[in-house]
Amino acid sequence: MFQDTYFESPTGTKGCFLSPEDCLYQMPDKDLIISTACPEDIPGIHALETVIEGPGAASRTALEERLQMFRDGSLVVKCDDRVVGYLQSTIWKNTVFARFAEICDFAKWHRNDGDELYLIFLGVHPKFRSNGLAGHLLACLTKLGKFYGLRRITLVAKNHLIPFYERNGFQTVKELPDFLPGEAFSPFLMQKRLA
């Protein structure tokens, strides 16, 4: 069953990690609503990921499994009830990997008693980019990690996104040349310390 947005973290803290200010993101001509994703958001999340990733997009089934695995780690951004941004994450214990195929079954790796938040995917619709929304979502993710008492956030970044993540407090750990076999780029493992 799905968790409610309000929960008790492993550290015993009760409530929601998102403040009311976190849940409303104002752009010059639009107000965007940020919340924990729910099952009804999956079609919109899938459509957005398909716009961003094309044929490499996660399936609806995979997105549903990730949401069931850790609902608090799935945030959605809506404009007029349309999904225009989202992120999905999981908690695990300092997992070492070199390829996506080793970790793609995120439910297998998820641990409520883990020490690390792994950002599975962060995406913003092209029409809503360059307004600070992705950075705001990362700030919300940082609050989630701290709320859960985790030590760090880990992610894999494509080369062109490294400066964005660095501006948001992440440091490059190492190159992962075999992460996505057949791709023209080598992504990098990046981390942000929380404690």
N, C-alpha and C. Protein backbone atom coordinates (compact mmCIF):
# COMPACT_ATOMS: atom_id res chain seq x y z
N MET A 1 0.84 -1.18 0.00
CA MET A 1 0.00 0.00 0.00
C MET A 1 0.88 1.24 0.00
N PHE A 2 0.40 2.31 -0.55
CA PHE A 2 1.17 3.54 -0.64
C PHE A 2 1.20 4.27 0.69
N GLN A 3 2.36 4.86 0.98
CA GLN A 3 2.50 5.66 2.18
C GLN A 3 1.84 7.01 1.96
N ASP A 4 1.50 7.67 3.04
CA ASP A 4 1.00 9.03 2.96
C ASP A 4 2.20 9.97 2.84
N THR A 5 1.95 11.19 2.39
CA THR A 5 3.02 12.18 2.31
C THR A 5 3.60 12.45 3.69
N TYR A 6 2.78 12.36 4.73
CA TYR A 6 3.25 12.59 6.09
C TYR A 6 3.65 11.26 6.68
N PHE A 7 4.83 11.19 7.28
CA PHE A 7 5.38 9.93 7.71
C PHE A 7 6.31 10.16 8.88
N GLU A 8 6.76 9.09 9.47
CA GLU A 8 7.77 9.17 10.52
C GLU A 8 9.06 8.62 9.97
N SER A 9 10.10 9.43 10.01
CA SER A 9 11.39 9.01 9.46
C SER A 9 12.04 8.00 10.40
N PRO A 10 13.07 7.28 9.92
CA PRO A 10 13.77 6.34 10.78
C PRO A 10 14.41 7.01 12.00
N THR A 11 14.63 8.32 11.93
CA THR A 11 15.21 9.04 13.07
C THR A 11 14.15 9.42 14.10
N GLY A 12 12.88 9.10 13.82
CA GLY A 12 11.81 9.38 14.76
C GLY A 12 11.12 10.71 14.53
N THR A 13 11.58 11.48 13.56
CA THR A 13 10.97 12.77 13.25
C THR A 13 9.62 12.52 12.58
N LYS A 14 8.60 13.25 13.02
CA LYS A 14 7.28 13.08 12.42
C LYS A 14 6.95 14.29 11.57
N GLY A 15 6.15 14.09 10.53
CA GLY A 15 5.71 15.20 9.70
C GLY A 15 6.06 15.00 8.25
N CYS A 16 6.19 16.09 7.55
CA CYS A 16 6.52 16.06 6.13
C CYS A 16 7.82 16.82 5.92
N PHE A 17 8.67 16.31 5.09
CA PHE A 17 9.95 16.99 4.84
C PHE A 17 9.78 18.23 3.99
N LEU A 18 8.65 18.37 3.28
CA LEU A 18 8.40 19.54 2.45
C LEU A 18 7.64 20.59 3.24
N SER A 19 8.17 21.79 3.27
CA SER A 19 7.44 22.89 3.90
C SER A 19 6.42 23.43 2.89
N PRO A 20 5.45 24.21 3.35
CA PRO A 20 4.50 24.81 2.39
C PRO A 20 5.22 25.64 1.31
N GLU A 21 6.33 26.29 1.67
CA GLU A 21 7.08 27.07 0.68
C GLU A 21 7.72 26.19 -0.38
N ASP A 22 8.11 24.97 -0.01
CA ASP A 22 8.70 24.03 -0.97
C ASP A 22 7.67 23.55 -1.99
N CYS A 23 6.41 23.52 -1.59
CA CYS A 23 5.36 22.92 -2.42
C CYS A 23 4.82 23.84 -3.51
N LEU A 24 5.14 25.12 -3.43
CA LEU A 24 4.70 26.06 -4.46
C LEU A 24 5.93 26.68 -5.08
N TYR A 25 6.08 26.51 -6.37
CA TYR A 25 7.22 27.09 -7.08
C TYR A 25 6.67 28.10 -8.08
N GLN A 26 7.04 29.34 -7.89
CA GLN A 26 6.50 30.40 -8.74
C GLN A 26 7.45 30.75 -9.87
N MET A 27 6.91 30.71 -11.06
CA MET A 27 7.61 31.19 -12.25
C MET A 27 6.96 32.52 -12.63
N PRO A 28 7.59 33.29 -13.50
CA PRO A 28 7.02 34.61 -13.83
C PRO A 28 5.55 34.58 -14.22
N ASP A 29 5.13 33.56 -14.96
CA ASP A 29 3.74 33.54 -15.43
C ASP A 29 2.94 32.32 -14.98
N LYS A 30 3.53 31.49 -14.10
CA LYS A 30 2.86 30.26 -13.69
C LYS A 30 3.20 29.92 -12.25
N ASP A 31 2.28 29.27 -11.58
CA ASP A 31 2.54 28.67 -10.28
C ASP A 31 2.58 27.17 -10.48
N LEU A 32 3.64 26.54 -9.97
CA LEU A 32 3.80 25.10 -10.08
C LEU A 32 3.61 24.49 -8.70
N ILE A 33 2.96 23.34 -8.65
CA ILE A 33 2.71 22.65 -7.40
C ILE A 33 3.62 21.42 -7.32
N ILE A 34 4.33 21.29 -6.20
CA ILE A 34 5.22 20.15 -5.98
C ILE A 34 4.64 19.32 -4.84
N SER A 35 4.57 18.01 -5.06
CA SER A 35 4.03 17.11 -4.05
C SER A 35 4.66 15.73 -4.22
N THR A 36 4.38 14.88 -3.24
CA THR A 36 4.75 13.49 -3.36
C THR A 36 3.87 12.87 -4.44
N ALA A 37 4.46 12.08 -5.32
CA ALA A 37 3.71 11.48 -6.42
C ALA A 37 2.71 10.45 -5.89
N CYS A 38 1.68 10.21 -6.67
CA CYS A 38 0.69 9.19 -6.35
C CYS A 38 0.46 8.33 -7.60
N PRO A 39 -0.20 7.20 -7.47
CA PRO A 39 -0.38 6.31 -8.62
C PRO A 39 -1.01 6.98 -9.83
N GLU A 40 -1.91 7.94 -9.60
CA GLU A 40 -2.56 8.62 -10.72
C GLU A 40 -1.60 9.49 -11.52
N ASP A 41 -0.42 9.78 -10.98
CA ASP A 41 0.57 10.59 -11.67
C ASP A 41 1.43 9.78 -12.66
N ILE A 42 1.38 8.46 -12.58
CA ILE A 42 2.26 7.62 -13.40
C ILE A 42 2.12 7.89 -14.90
N PRO A 43 0.92 8.01 -15.47
CA PRO A 43 0.85 8.29 -16.91
C PRO A 43 1.57 9.60 -17.28
N GLY A 44 1.40 10.64 -16.47
CA GLY A 44 2.07 11.91 -16.74
C GLY A 44 3.57 11.82 -16.56
N ILE A 45 4.01 11.07 -15.54
CA ILE A 45 5.45 10.88 -15.32
C ILE A 45 6.05 10.13 -16.51
N HIS A 46 5.37 9.07 -16.95
CA HIS A 46 5.85 8.28 -18.08
C HIS A 46 5.92 9.13 -19.35
N ALA A 47 4.89 9.93 -19.58
CA ALA A 47 4.88 10.79 -20.76
C ALA A 47 6.06 11.77 -20.72
N LEU A 48 6.32 12.35 -19.55
CA LEU A 48 7.44 13.29 -19.42
C LEU A 48 8.78 12.58 -19.63
N GLU A 49 8.94 11.42 -19.02
CA GLU A 49 10.21 10.71 -19.20
C GLU A 49 10.40 10.33 -20.66
N THR A 50 9.34 10.00 -21.36
CA THR A 50 9.45 9.67 -22.79
C THR A 50 9.88 10.89 -23.60
N VAL A 51 9.36 12.07 -23.26
CA VAL A 51 9.80 13.31 -23.93
C VAL A 51 11.30 13.51 -23.72
N ILE A 52 11.78 13.24 -22.51
CA ILE A 52 13.18 13.50 -22.17
C ILE A 52 14.12 12.40 -22.66
N GLU A 53 13.74 11.15 -22.46
CA GLU A 53 14.63 10.02 -22.74
C GLU A 53 14.34 9.27 -24.04
N GLY A 54 13.21 9.55 -24.67
CA GLY A 54 12.87 8.84 -25.90
C GLY A 54 12.72 7.36 -25.65
N PRO A 55 13.30 6.52 -26.53
CA PRO A 55 13.14 5.07 -26.36
C PRO A 55 13.83 4.51 -25.12
N GLY A 56 14.70 5.29 -24.49
CA GLY A 56 15.38 4.83 -23.27
C GLY A 56 14.58 5.08 -22.01
N ALA A 57 13.37 5.59 -22.14
CA ALA A 57 12.53 5.91 -20.97
C ALA A 57 12.16 4.65 -20.20
N ALA A 58 12.02 4.81 -18.90
CA ALA A 58 11.56 3.71 -18.05
C ALA A 58 10.13 3.36 -18.42
N SER A 59 9.78 2.10 -18.27
CA SER A 59 8.41 1.66 -18.56
C SER A 59 7.47 2.14 -17.45
N ARG A 60 6.19 2.15 -17.77
CA ARG A 60 5.21 2.52 -16.75
C ARG A 60 5.28 1.56 -15.57
N THR A 61 5.50 0.29 -15.87
CA THR A 61 5.60 -0.70 -14.80
C THR A 61 6.77 -0.39 -13.87
N ALA A 62 7.93 -0.05 -14.45
CA ALA A 62 9.10 0.29 -13.64
C ALA A 62 8.83 1.52 -12.79
N LEU A 63 8.17 2.52 -13.37
CA LEU A 63 7.84 3.73 -12.62
C LEU A 63 6.88 3.44 -11.47
N GLU A 64 5.90 2.57 -11.72
CA GLU A 64 4.96 2.17 -10.67
C GLU A 64 5.68 1.43 -9.55
N GLU A 65 6.60 0.52 -9.91
CA GLU A 65 7.34 -0.23 -8.90
C GLU A 65 8.20 0.70 -8.05
N ARG A 66 8.82 1.69 -8.67
CA ARG A 66 9.63 2.65 -7.91
C ARG A 66 8.78 3.46 -6.95
N LEU A 67 7.60 3.84 -7.40
CA LEU A 67 6.70 4.61 -6.55
C LEU A 67 6.24 3.77 -5.35
N GLN A 68 5.90 2.52 -5.59
CA GLN A 68 5.50 1.63 -4.50
C GLN A 68 6.65 1.36 -3.54
N MET A 69 7.85 1.27 -4.07
CA MET A 69 9.04 0.98 -3.27
C MET A 69 9.31 2.08 -2.25
N PHE A 70 9.20 3.36 -2.69
CA PHE A 70 9.57 4.48 -1.82
C PHE A 70 8.83 5.73 -2.28
N ARG A 71 7.57 5.81 -1.90
CA ARG A 71 6.75 6.92 -2.37
C ARG A 71 7.30 8.27 -1.94
N ASP A 72 7.85 8.36 -0.73
CA ASP A 72 8.38 9.63 -0.26
C ASP A 72 9.53 10.12 -1.12
N GLY A 73 10.16 9.23 -1.85
CA GLY A 73 11.28 9.59 -2.71
C GLY A 73 10.88 9.93 -4.13
N SER A 74 9.57 10.04 -4.38
CA SER A 74 9.07 10.41 -5.70
C SER A 74 8.31 11.72 -5.60
N LEU A 75 8.88 12.76 -6.20
CA LEU A 75 8.24 14.07 -6.20
C LEU A 75 7.78 14.40 -7.61
N VAL A 76 6.65 15.07 -7.70
CA VAL A 76 6.09 15.44 -8.99
C VAL A 76 5.81 16.95 -8.98
N VAL A 77 6.03 17.58 -10.12
CA VAL A 77 5.74 19.00 -10.30
C VAL A 77 4.63 19.10 -11.33
N LYS A 78 3.58 19.86 -10.99
CA LYS A 78 2.44 19.98 -11.89
C LYS A 78 2.15 21.45 -12.19
N CYS A 79 1.73 21.67 -13.42
CA CYS A 79 1.23 22.96 -13.86
C CYS A 79 -0.13 22.69 -14.50
N ASP A 80 -1.18 23.25 -13.94
CA ASP A 80 -2.53 22.99 -14.46
C ASP A 80 -2.82 21.49 -14.56
N ASP A 81 -2.46 20.75 -13.51
CA ASP A 81 -2.68 19.30 -13.41
C ASP A 81 -1.88 18.48 -14.42
N ARG A 82 -0.92 19.07 -15.08
CA ARG A 82 -0.06 18.34 -16.02
C ARG A 82 1.34 18.19 -15.41
N VAL A 83 1.90 16.97 -15.46
CA VAL A 83 3.24 16.73 -14.90
C VAL A 83 4.27 17.41 -15.80
N VAL A 84 5.04 18.32 -15.20
CA VAL A 84 6.07 19.04 -15.96
C VAL A 84 7.47 18.81 -15.37
N GLY A 85 7.53 18.04 -14.28
CA GLY A 85 8.81 17.70 -13.68
C GLY A 85 8.61 16.60 -12.66
N TYR A 86 9.66 15.84 -12.43
CA TYR A 86 9.59 14.83 -11.38
C TYR A 86 10.98 14.32 -11.05
N LEU A 87 11.06 13.70 -9.88
CA LEU A 87 12.27 12.96 -9.53
C LEU A 87 11.85 11.71 -8.79
N GLN A 88 12.70 10.69 -8.91
CA GLN A 88 12.51 9.45 -8.17
C GLN A 88 13.84 9.09 -7.53
N SER A 89 13.76 8.59 -6.30
CA SER A 89 14.96 8.21 -5.57
C SER A 89 14.68 6.96 -4.75
N THR A 90 15.76 6.41 -4.22
CA THR A 90 15.67 5.24 -3.35
C THR A 90 16.71 5.37 -2.24
N ILE A 91 16.49 4.67 -1.17
CA ILE A 91 17.47 4.60 -0.09
C ILE A 91 18.15 3.24 -0.18
N TRP A 92 19.48 3.27 -0.10
CA TRP A 92 20.20 2.00 -0.07
C TRP A 92 21.44 2.14 0.79
N LYS A 93 22.16 1.03 0.94
CA LYS A 93 23.39 1.03 1.74
C LYS A 93 24.57 1.07 0.81
N ASN A 94 25.29 2.18 0.78
CA ASN A 94 26.54 2.36 0.05
C ASN A 94 26.79 1.28 -1.01
N THR A 95 26.01 1.27 -2.03
CA THR A 95 26.07 0.27 -3.09
C THR A 95 27.15 0.63 -4.11
N VAL A 96 28.00 -0.33 -4.42
CA VAL A 96 29.06 -0.14 -5.42
C VAL A 96 28.59 -0.77 -6.73
N PHE A 97 28.71 -0.02 -7.82
CA PHE A 97 28.26 -0.51 -9.12
C PHE A 97 29.06 0.16 -10.22
N ALA A 98 29.05 -0.47 -11.39
CA ALA A 98 29.73 0.09 -12.57
C ALA A 98 28.78 0.26 -13.74
N ARG A 99 27.68 -0.52 -13.74
CA ARG A 99 26.73 -0.49 -14.86
C ARG A 99 25.30 -0.35 -14.34
N PHE A 100 24.47 0.31 -15.14
CA PHE A 100 23.07 0.48 -14.79
C PHE A 100 22.38 -0.87 -14.61
N ALA A 101 22.75 -1.85 -15.42
CA ALA A 101 22.12 -3.17 -15.35
C ALA A 101 22.30 -3.81 -13.97
N GLU A 102 23.32 -3.41 -13.24
CA GLU A 102 23.56 -3.97 -11.90
C GLU A 102 22.59 -3.42 -10.86
N ILE A 103 22.04 -2.24 -11.11
CA ILE A 103 21.20 -1.60 -10.10
C ILE A 103 19.77 -1.33 -10.55
N CYS A 104 19.44 -1.64 -11.81
CA CYS A 104 18.15 -1.22 -12.37
C CYS A 104 16.94 -1.82 -11.66
N ASP A 105 17.10 -2.90 -10.93
CA ASP A 105 16.01 -3.44 -10.12
C ASP A 105 16.08 -2.75 -8.76
N PHE A 106 15.63 -1.49 -8.73
CA PHE A 106 15.81 -0.65 -7.54
C PHE A 106 15.13 -1.21 -6.31
N ALA A 107 14.01 -1.91 -6.48
CA ALA A 107 13.31 -2.49 -5.33
C ALA A 107 14.20 -3.52 -4.62
N LYS A 108 15.05 -4.18 -5.35
CA LYS A 108 15.97 -5.17 -4.77
C LYS A 108 17.00 -4.48 -3.86
N TRP A 109 17.38 -3.26 -4.20
CA TRP A 109 18.42 -2.55 -3.46
C TRP A 109 17.88 -1.62 -2.38
N HIS A 110 16.60 -1.28 -2.46
CA HIS A 110 16.02 -0.33 -1.50
C HIS A 110 16.09 -0.88 -0.07
N ARG A 111 16.54 -0.04 0.86
CA ARG A 111 16.63 -0.39 2.28
C ARG A 111 16.18 0.80 3.11
N ASN A 112 15.12 0.63 3.87
CA ASN A 112 14.68 1.72 4.74
C ASN A 112 15.73 2.08 5.77
N ASP A 113 16.60 1.13 6.10
CA ASP A 113 17.65 1.40 7.08
C ASP A 113 18.98 1.76 6.41
N GLY A 114 18.93 2.15 5.14
CA GLY A 114 20.14 2.51 4.41
C GLY A 114 20.73 3.83 4.88
N ASP A 115 21.89 4.18 4.30
CA ASP A 115 22.57 5.41 4.70
C ASP A 115 22.75 6.39 3.55
N GLU A 116 22.21 6.02 2.37
CA GLU A 116 22.46 6.83 1.17
C GLU A 116 21.18 6.95 0.35
N LEU A 117 20.94 8.15 -0.16
CA LEU A 117 19.81 8.40 -1.05
C LEU A 117 20.36 8.40 -2.47
N TYR A 118 19.82 7.55 -3.33
CA TYR A 118 20.27 7.49 -4.72
C TYR A 118 19.21 8.14 -5.59
N LEU A 119 19.59 9.15 -6.36
CA LEU A 119 18.67 9.82 -7.28
C LEU A 119 18.59 8.99 -8.55
N ILE A 120 17.46 8.36 -8.77
CA ILE A 120 17.24 7.51 -9.94
C ILE A 120 17.05 8.38 -11.18
N PHE A 121 16.20 9.39 -11.07
CA PHE A 121 15.90 10.22 -12.24
C PHE A 121 15.40 11.58 -11.78
N LEU A 122 15.85 12.60 -12.48
CA LEU A 122 15.37 13.97 -12.30
C LEU A 122 15.10 14.52 -13.69
N GLY A 123 13.90 14.99 -13.92
CA GLY A 123 13.57 15.51 -15.25
C GLY A 123 12.60 16.68 -15.17
N VAL A 124 12.82 17.65 -16.04
CA VAL A 124 11.93 18.81 -16.17
C VAL A 124 11.61 18.96 -17.65
N HIS A 125 10.34 19.19 -17.96
CA HIS A 125 9.92 19.37 -19.35
C HIS A 125 10.71 20.53 -19.97
N PRO A 126 11.15 20.38 -21.23
CA PRO A 126 11.95 21.43 -21.87
C PRO A 126 11.34 22.83 -21.78
N LYS A 127 10.02 22.96 -21.82
CA LYS A 127 9.38 24.28 -21.75
C LYS A 127 9.47 24.92 -20.37
N PHE A 128 9.85 24.14 -19.36
CA PHE A 128 9.91 24.65 -17.99
C PHE A 128 11.35 24.72 -17.46
N ARG A 129 12.31 24.53 -18.33
CA ARG A 129 13.72 24.58 -17.92
C ARG A 129 14.23 26.01 -17.85
N SER A 130 15.40 26.17 -17.27
CA SER A 130 16.09 27.46 -17.13
C SER A 130 15.33 28.43 -16.24
N ASN A 131 14.58 27.88 -15.30
CA ASN A 131 13.87 28.71 -14.32
C ASN A 131 14.20 28.31 -12.89
N GLY A 132 15.21 27.46 -12.70
CA GLY A 132 15.62 27.04 -11.37
C GLY A 132 14.82 25.90 -10.78
N LEU A 133 13.89 25.33 -11.55
CA LEU A 133 13.04 24.28 -11.02
C LEU A 133 13.82 23.02 -10.66
N ALA A 134 14.73 22.59 -11.51
CA ALA A 134 15.52 21.38 -11.21
C ALA A 134 16.35 21.58 -9.95
N GLY A 135 16.92 22.75 -9.77
CA GLY A 135 17.67 23.05 -8.56
C GLY A 135 16.78 23.02 -7.32
N HIS A 136 15.56 23.51 -7.48
CA HIS A 136 14.60 23.48 -6.37
C HIS A 136 14.27 22.03 -6.01
N LEU A 137 14.09 21.18 -7.01
CA LEU A 137 13.82 19.76 -6.74
C LEU A 137 14.99 19.11 -6.02
N LEU A 138 16.21 19.47 -6.39
CA LEU A 138 17.39 18.93 -5.69
C LEU A 138 17.42 19.41 -4.24
N ALA A 139 17.00 20.65 -4.00
CA ALA A 139 16.93 21.16 -2.62
C ALA A 139 15.91 20.37 -1.82
N CYS A 140 14.78 20.03 -2.44
CA CYS A 140 13.77 19.20 -1.78
C CYS A 140 14.33 17.80 -1.49
N LEU A 141 15.09 17.26 -2.42
CA LEU A 141 15.71 15.95 -2.23
C LEU A 141 16.70 15.99 -1.08
N THR A 142 17.45 17.08 -0.97
CA THR A 142 18.39 17.25 0.14
C THR A 142 17.64 17.26 1.47
N LYS A 143 16.50 17.95 1.51
CA LYS A 143 15.69 17.97 2.73
C LYS A 143 15.21 16.56 3.07
N LEU A 144 14.82 15.80 2.06
CA LEU A 144 14.38 14.42 2.28
C LEU A 144 15.51 13.60 2.89
N GLY A 145 16.70 13.71 2.31
CA GLY A 145 17.85 12.96 2.83
C GLY A 145 18.16 13.32 4.27
N LYS A 146 18.12 14.59 4.59
CA LYS A 146 18.38 15.02 5.97
C LYS A 146 17.26 14.58 6.91
N PHE A 147 16.02 14.63 6.44
CA PHE A 147 14.89 14.20 7.24
C PHE A 147 15.03 12.73 7.62
N TYR A 148 15.52 11.93 6.68
CA TYR A 148 15.73 10.51 6.94
C TYR A 148 17.05 10.22 7.66
N GLY A 149 17.85 11.24 7.91
CA GLY A 149 19.11 11.04 8.62
C GLY A 149 20.17 10.35 7.79
N LEU A 150 20.15 10.53 6.47
CA LEU A 150 21.10 9.85 5.59
C LEU A 150 22.41 10.63 5.50
N ARG A 151 23.47 9.92 5.10
CA ARG A 151 24.80 10.53 5.05
C ARG A 151 25.08 11.28 3.75
N ARG A 152 24.48 10.83 2.64
CA ARG A 152 24.80 11.47 1.35
C ARG A 152 23.73 11.14 0.32
N ILE A 153 23.79 11.92 -0.77
CA ILE A 153 22.98 11.65 -1.96
C ILE A 153 23.96 11.27 -3.07
N THR A 154 23.63 10.24 -3.82
CA THR A 154 24.45 9.77 -4.92
C THR A 154 23.62 9.79 -6.20
N LEU A 155 24.28 10.07 -7.31
CA LEU A 155 23.61 10.04 -8.61
C LEU A 155 24.63 9.76 -9.70
N VAL A 156 24.14 9.45 -10.88
CA VAL A 156 24.99 9.30 -12.06
C VAL A 156 24.57 10.39 -13.03
N ALA A 157 25.54 11.21 -13.44
CA ALA A 157 25.26 12.37 -14.29
C ALA A 157 25.90 12.23 -15.66
N LYS A 158 25.15 12.63 -16.67
CA LYS A 158 25.71 12.74 -18.01
C LYS A 158 26.70 13.91 -18.00
N ASN A 159 27.70 13.83 -18.87
CA ASN A 159 28.78 14.83 -18.91
C ASN A 159 28.27 16.27 -18.89
N HIS A 160 27.30 16.58 -19.74
CA HIS A 160 26.85 17.96 -19.86
C HIS A 160 26.09 18.47 -18.63
N LEU A 161 25.69 17.56 -17.72
CA LEU A 161 24.97 17.96 -16.52
C LEU A 161 25.87 18.13 -15.29
N ILE A 162 27.13 17.77 -15.43
CA ILE A 162 28.05 17.86 -14.29
C ILE A 162 28.11 19.28 -13.71
N PRO A 163 28.25 20.34 -14.52
CA PRO A 163 28.29 21.69 -13.93
C PRO A 163 27.01 22.04 -13.15
N PHE A 164 25.85 21.59 -13.63
CA PHE A 164 24.60 21.84 -12.91
C PHE A 164 24.63 21.19 -11.53
N TYR A 165 25.04 19.93 -11.49
CA TYR A 165 25.08 19.24 -10.20
C TYR A 165 26.15 19.83 -9.29
N GLU A 166 27.27 20.23 -9.84
CA GLU A 166 28.31 20.88 -9.02
C GLU A 166 27.77 22.17 -8.39
N ARG A 167 27.02 22.95 -9.15
CA ARG A 167 26.42 24.18 -8.59
C ARG A 167 25.45 23.87 -7.46
N ASN A 168 24.95 22.65 -7.43
CA ASN A 168 24.00 22.24 -6.40
C ASN A 168 24.64 21.37 -5.32
N GLY A 169 25.97 21.48 -5.17
CA GLY A 169 26.67 20.86 -4.05
C GLY A 169 27.20 19.47 -4.25
N PHE A 170 27.12 18.93 -5.46
CA PHE A 170 27.62 17.57 -5.72
C PHE A 170 29.07 17.62 -6.19
N GLN A 171 29.81 16.58 -5.87
CA GLN A 171 31.19 16.45 -6.32
C GLN A 171 31.35 15.17 -7.14
N THR A 172 32.19 15.25 -8.15
CA THR A 172 32.46 14.08 -8.99
C THR A 172 33.30 13.08 -8.21
N VAL A 173 32.89 11.82 -8.24
CA VAL A 173 33.61 10.76 -7.55
C VAL A 173 34.46 9.97 -8.54
N LYS A 174 33.84 9.52 -9.65
CA LYS A 174 34.58 8.77 -10.66
C LYS A 174 33.77 8.64 -11.93
N GLU A 175 34.45 8.36 -13.01
CA GLU A 175 33.81 8.11 -14.30
C GLU A 175 33.29 6.68 -14.31
N LEU A 176 32.15 6.48 -14.97
CA LEU A 176 31.55 5.14 -15.12
C LEU A 176 31.43 4.84 -16.60
N PRO A 177 32.54 4.48 -17.26
CA PRO A 177 32.53 4.30 -18.72
C PRO A 177 31.61 3.19 -19.22
N ASP A 178 31.29 2.21 -18.37
CA ASP A 178 30.45 1.09 -18.79
C ASP A 178 29.03 1.18 -18.26
N PHE A 179 28.64 2.33 -17.71
CA PHE A 179 27.32 2.45 -17.08
C PHE A 179 26.20 2.16 -18.07
N LEU A 180 26.26 2.76 -19.25
CA LEU A 180 25.27 2.50 -20.30
C LEU A 180 26.02 2.07 -21.56
N PRO A 181 26.25 0.77 -21.73
CA PRO A 181 26.99 0.30 -22.89
C PRO A 181 26.39 0.80 -24.21
N GLY A 182 27.25 1.20 -25.12
CA GLY A 182 26.79 1.65 -26.43
C GLY A 182 26.51 3.14 -26.51
N GLU A 183 26.52 3.84 -25.37
CA GLU A 183 26.29 5.29 -25.39
C GLU A 183 27.57 6.00 -25.78
N ALA A 184 27.43 7.16 -26.40
CA ALA A 184 28.59 7.92 -26.87
C ALA A 184 29.28 8.67 -25.74
N PHE A 185 28.66 8.76 -24.58
CA PHE A 185 29.22 9.52 -23.47
C PHE A 185 29.52 8.58 -22.31
N SER A 186 30.41 9.01 -21.42
CA SER A 186 30.68 8.30 -20.18
C SER A 186 30.12 9.13 -19.03
N PRO A 187 29.12 8.64 -18.33
CA PRO A 187 28.60 9.39 -17.20
C PRO A 187 29.54 9.31 -15.99
N PHE A 188 29.24 10.14 -15.00
CA PHE A 188 30.07 10.21 -13.80
C PHE A 188 29.23 9.99 -12.56
N LEU A 189 29.79 9.26 -11.61
CA LEU A 189 29.19 9.10 -10.30
C LEU A 189 29.46 10.38 -9.52
N MET A 190 28.42 10.94 -8.92
CA MET A 190 28.56 12.17 -8.14
C MET A 190 27.89 11.98 -6.78
N GLN A 191 28.39 12.71 -5.77
CA GLN A 191 27.84 12.60 -4.43
C GLN A 191 27.77 13.98 -3.78
N LYS A 192 26.81 14.08 -2.88
CA LYS A 192 26.67 15.26 -2.03
C LYS A 192 26.56 14.77 -0.60
N ARG A 193 27.46 15.22 0.25
CA ARG A 193 27.43 14.82 1.66
C ARG A 193 26.34 15.59 2.40
N LEU A 194 25.62 14.86 3.25
CA LEU A 194 24.57 15.47 4.05
C LEU A 194 24.95 15.54 5.52
N ALA A 195 25.83 14.64 5.94
CA ALA A 195 26.25 14.61 7.36
C ALA A 195 27.73 14.31 7.47
